[in-house]
Amino acid sequence: MAIAAHPDLEQDLARVCRELAGRCQYLEIRVEESASTSVSFQGADLESLNQRRDRGGDVRALVDGAWGFTSFNRLEDIEEMAR
């Protein structure tokens, strides 16, 4: 049951939360997406132009009175990290 980066991300996250909710007293999954552009010049000459988009996040859970926390940088890892 992999989580993929697609328009249904919210539905997938809700599904994972419902599946894991019975095993913990508290579950929080945060996802962050960032975009960056870098431009490099050597004098008046354009050396490079790069764009980058990254996604990642963290999972925090309270299970049997103990807190657990992990972070991830691939959405496919959410379910594994939440265990």
Protein backbone atom coordinates (compact mmCIF):
# COMPACT_ATOMS: atom_id res chain seq x y z
CA MET A 1 0.00 0.00 0.00
CA ALA A 2 2.30 2.77 -1.26
CA ILE A 3 1.58 6.47 -1.02
CA ALA A 4 2.34 8.24 -4.28
CA ALA A 5 2.70 11.94 -5.04
CA HIS A 6 -0.57 12.69 -6.82
CA PRO A 7 -3.70 14.82 -6.51
CA ASP A 8 -5.30 12.32 -4.07
CA LEU A 9 -2.57 12.82 -1.46
CA GLU A 10 -5.03 14.05 1.19
CA GLN A 11 -7.23 10.99 0.72
CA ASP A 12 -4.21 8.69 0.96
CA LEU A 13 -3.03 10.37 4.17
CA ALA A 14 -6.51 10.10 5.66
CA ARG A 15 -6.61 6.39 4.78
CA VAL A 16 -3.24 5.76 6.46
CA CYS A 17 -4.37 7.67 9.56
CA ARG A 18 -7.59 5.62 9.79
CA GLU A 19 -5.65 2.36 9.44
CA LEU A 20 -3.12 3.28 12.14
CA ALA A 21 -5.45 5.15 14.52
CA GLY A 22 -6.59 2.03 16.35
CA ARG A 23 -3.04 1.27 17.47
CA CYS A 24 -2.25 4.63 19.04
CA GLN A 25 -3.75 7.27 21.29
CA TYR A 26 -2.47 10.11 19.10
CA LEU A 27 -1.20 10.21 15.52
CA GLU A 28 0.05 13.20 13.57
CA ILE A 29 1.46 13.13 10.04
CA ARG A 30 2.85 16.34 8.56
CA VAL A 31 3.83 16.73 4.93
CA GLU A 32 5.80 19.66 3.57
CA GLU A 33 6.56 20.56 -0.01
CA SER A 34 9.14 23.12 -1.02
CA ALA A 35 10.21 24.52 -4.34
CA SER A 36 13.41 26.38 -5.11
CA THR A 37 15.11 27.96 -8.08
CA SER A 38 18.82 28.67 -8.26
CA VAL A 39 20.52 30.90 -10.81
CA SER A 40 24.29 31.14 -11.18
CA PHE A 41 26.22 33.71 -13.19
CA GLN A 42 29.92 33.97 -14.00
CA GLY A 43 30.22 37.65 -14.79
CA ALA A 44 27.50 38.39 -17.33
CA ASP A 45 27.25 34.74 -18.47
CA LEU A 46 24.53 32.47 -17.17
CA GLU A 47 26.24 29.37 -15.74
CA SER A 48 23.21 27.41 -14.55
CA LEU A 49 19.50 27.63 -13.92
CA ASN A 50 17.96 24.89 -11.76
CA GLN A 51 14.55 24.24 -10.29
CA ARG A 52 13.88 21.73 -7.55
CA ARG A 53 10.79 20.48 -5.73
CA ASP A 54 11.09 18.41 -2.57
CA ARG A 55 8.53 16.66 -0.37
CA GLY A 56 8.96 15.21 3.06
CA GLY A 57 7.55 15.34 6.53
CA ASP A 58 7.29 13.69 9.89
CA VAL A 59 5.17 11.28 11.88
CA ARG A 60 4.52 11.67 15.61
CA ALA A 61 2.56 9.10 17.60
CA LEU A 62 1.63 8.27 21.17
CA VAL A 63 1.47 4.48 21.66
CA ASP A 64 0.90 2.91 25.08
CA GLY A 65 2.04 6.08 26.84
CA ALA A 66 5.29 6.47 24.86
CA TRP A 67 5.94 9.09 22.20
CA GLY A 68 7.58 8.19 18.92
CA PHE A 69 8.81 10.49 16.17
CA THR A 70 10.36 9.95 12.77
CA SER A 71 10.88 11.97 9.62
CA PHE A 72 10.83 10.99 5.97
CA ASN A 73 11.78 12.48 2.62
CA ARG A 74 9.80 10.13 0.38
CA LEU A 75 6.01 10.00 0.52
CA GLU A 76 6.18 6.27 -0.15
CA ASP A 77 7.79 5.91 3.32
CA ILE A 78 4.89 7.40 5.33
CA GLU A 79 3.22 4.12 6.19
CA GLU A 80 6.49 2.41 7.11
CA MET A 81 7.58 5.36 9.27
CA ALA A 82 4.23 5.43 11.06
CA ARG A 83 4.68 1.84 12.26
